[in-house]
Amino acid sequence: MPEMVNEYNGPQKTDEVLQKLRHFCGFQERCTADVEEKLQSLGVPRAKWPGIIAGLRNEHFLDDMRFAGAFARGKFRINRWGRKKIRYELSGRGIPEEIIGRGLEEIGEEEYLEVIRELVLKKLNETKGGKKLTVRNKIFTFVTGKGFESGLVSEAIKELNI
């Protein structure tokens, strides 16, 4: 963990902090928890956080709704995570449930089901022989472990005659 700065010198320091946070938020989407962590690492007193965070929101550098959508799209398309895992991660970052739900809406249902099928087939090709039930269990465990709903995974396994 970075060393905490114990000094805080009024307005000049505030401008420096804001500039650092603008760059931090402009580099990639951030959530409020990320900014709070950064403020703590910069040694900014907690009493100053609400004003700084409100300023970043007003300048459109910080938006938890935008973050939730970008996070959901990225984790789904790049990491192949399911909605359950994405929801869990967003919740752990302090994102409200309503915003999480709206962020998850950015994942298309047909694309979601197609990814489940792809993951099922991928695991099937990686799984060496064995009993049909064992192979199914390995596939089911793999895909649900990536955060996909068990009912949808079971349907995909059935649909693909595995």
Foldseek 3Di string as FASTA:
>chain_A
DADADQDDDPDVSLVVLLVVVLCVLVVDHDALLVSVVVCRNHNPDPVCSVVSVVVCVVVVSHDLLVVLQVQLVCCCPPVVAALQVSQVVSVVSVRDPVSNVSSNVNDDPVVNLVSLLVQLVVQLVVDDDDDPVVSLVSSLCVNVVSPHDSVSNVVSCVVVVD
